[in-house]
Amino acid sequence: MLREAVAAGTKTGLHVSEIMDRGELVPGDIVVTVVADPVDHSDAANGFVLDGFPRPLVQAEALDDELCQRGLKLDPVLS
């Protein structure tokens, strides 16, 4: 998803590109934003699956906060 954001040339994608070009890890808050952005698109209107994300609890909490700001909430979660 990070590569897709870079390829799309979005503001976030350009920021991600700069970070990755320096060989650094993209901070968690930016990753959460990149992961949450596609839920605003029509192809996610009936739901979406996140595979391998979030991992640590802090990512899960940040994703929950980001989705709440968009008026969304997670329903089922599989571990």
Protein backbone atom coordinates (compact mmCIF):
# COMPACT_ATOMS: atom_id res chain seq x y z
CA MET A 1 0.00 0.00 0.00
CA LEU A 2 2.94 2.29 0.65
CA ARG A 3 4.24 1.67 -2.87
CA GLU A 4 0.77 2.36 -4.28
CA ALA A 5 0.65 5.69 -2.45
CA VAL A 6 4.07 6.59 -3.84
CA ALA A 7 3.04 5.58 -7.38
CA ALA A 8 -0.18 7.60 -7.10
CA GLY A 9 1.85 10.70 -6.31
CA THR A 10 -0.38 11.73 -3.42
CA LYS A 11 0.88 14.18 -0.82
CA THR A 12 1.27 11.32 1.63
CA GLY A 13 2.86 9.17 -1.08
CA LEU A 14 5.49 11.82 -1.79
CA HIS A 15 6.28 12.04 1.92
CA VAL A 16 6.51 8.25 2.14
CA SER A 17 8.82 8.22 -0.89
CA GLU A 18 11.23 10.64 0.77
CA ILE A 19 11.36 8.48 3.90
CA MET A 20 11.84 5.24 1.98
CA ASP A 21 14.48 6.80 -0.29
CA ARG A 22 16.51 7.57 2.83
CA GLY A 23 16.26 3.89 3.77
CA GLU A 24 14.20 4.65 6.85
CA LEU A 25 11.08 2.94 8.14
CA VAL A 26 7.85 4.82 7.57
CA PRO A 27 6.46 5.94 10.96
CA GLY A 28 3.41 4.10 12.22
CA ASP A 29 1.07 7.10 12.09
CA ILE A 30 1.78 7.55 8.38
CA VAL A 31 1.31 3.82 7.73
CA VAL A 32 -2.07 3.95 9.47
CA THR A 33 -3.13 6.87 7.26
CA VAL A 34 -2.00 5.06 4.11
CA VAL A 35 -3.84 1.90 5.14
CA ALA A 36 -7.02 3.78 6.09
CA ASP A 37 -7.22 5.98 2.97
CA PRO A 38 -8.63 3.28 0.64
CA VAL A 39 -11.66 2.75 2.89
CA ASP A 40 -12.97 6.05 1.54
CA HIS A 41 -13.19 4.60 -1.99
CA SER A 42 -16.29 3.00 -3.43
CA ASP A 43 -14.68 -0.43 -3.80
CA ALA A 44 -14.49 -0.66 0.01
CA ALA A 45 -18.08 0.45 0.57
CA ASN A 46 -19.24 -3.09 1.38
CA GLY A 47 -16.25 -3.90 3.57
CA PHE A 48 -12.55 -4.63 3.38
CA VAL A 49 -9.98 -7.06 4.70
CA LEU A 50 -6.67 -6.07 6.23
CA ASP A 51 -4.17 -8.92 6.14
CA GLY A 52 -1.10 -8.57 8.34
CA PHE A 53 -2.11 -5.18 9.69
CA PRO A 54 -2.30 -3.96 12.39
CA ARG A 55 0.38 -5.83 14.26
CA PRO A 56 1.21 -4.14 17.58
CA LEU A 57 -1.60 -2.83 19.78
CA VAL A 58 -0.54 0.77 19.13
CA GLN A 59 -1.24 0.29 15.40
CA ALA A 60 -4.65 -1.21 16.18
CA GLU A 61 -5.53 1.73 18.41
CA ALA A 62 -4.31 4.24 15.82
CA LEU A 63 -6.30 2.50 13.08
CA ASP A 64 -9.40 2.52 15.28
CA ASP A 65 -8.95 6.26 15.90
CA GLU A 66 -8.45 6.94 12.17
CA LEU A 67 -11.55 4.94 11.23
CA CYS A 68 -13.62 6.64 13.95
CA GLN A 69 -12.69 10.02 12.47
CA ARG A 70 -14.13 8.74 9.19
CA GLY A 71 -17.31 7.52 10.89
CA LEU A 72 -16.35 3.85 10.54
CA LYS A 73 -15.70 1.02 12.93
CA LEU A 74 -14.29 -2.47 12.67
CA ASP A 75 -16.75 -5.32 12.98
CA PRO A 76 -15.22 -8.80 13.02
CA VAL A 77 -11.54 -9.29 13.75
CA LEU A 78 -9.75 -12.60 13.22
CA SER A 79 -6.51 -13.45 14.91
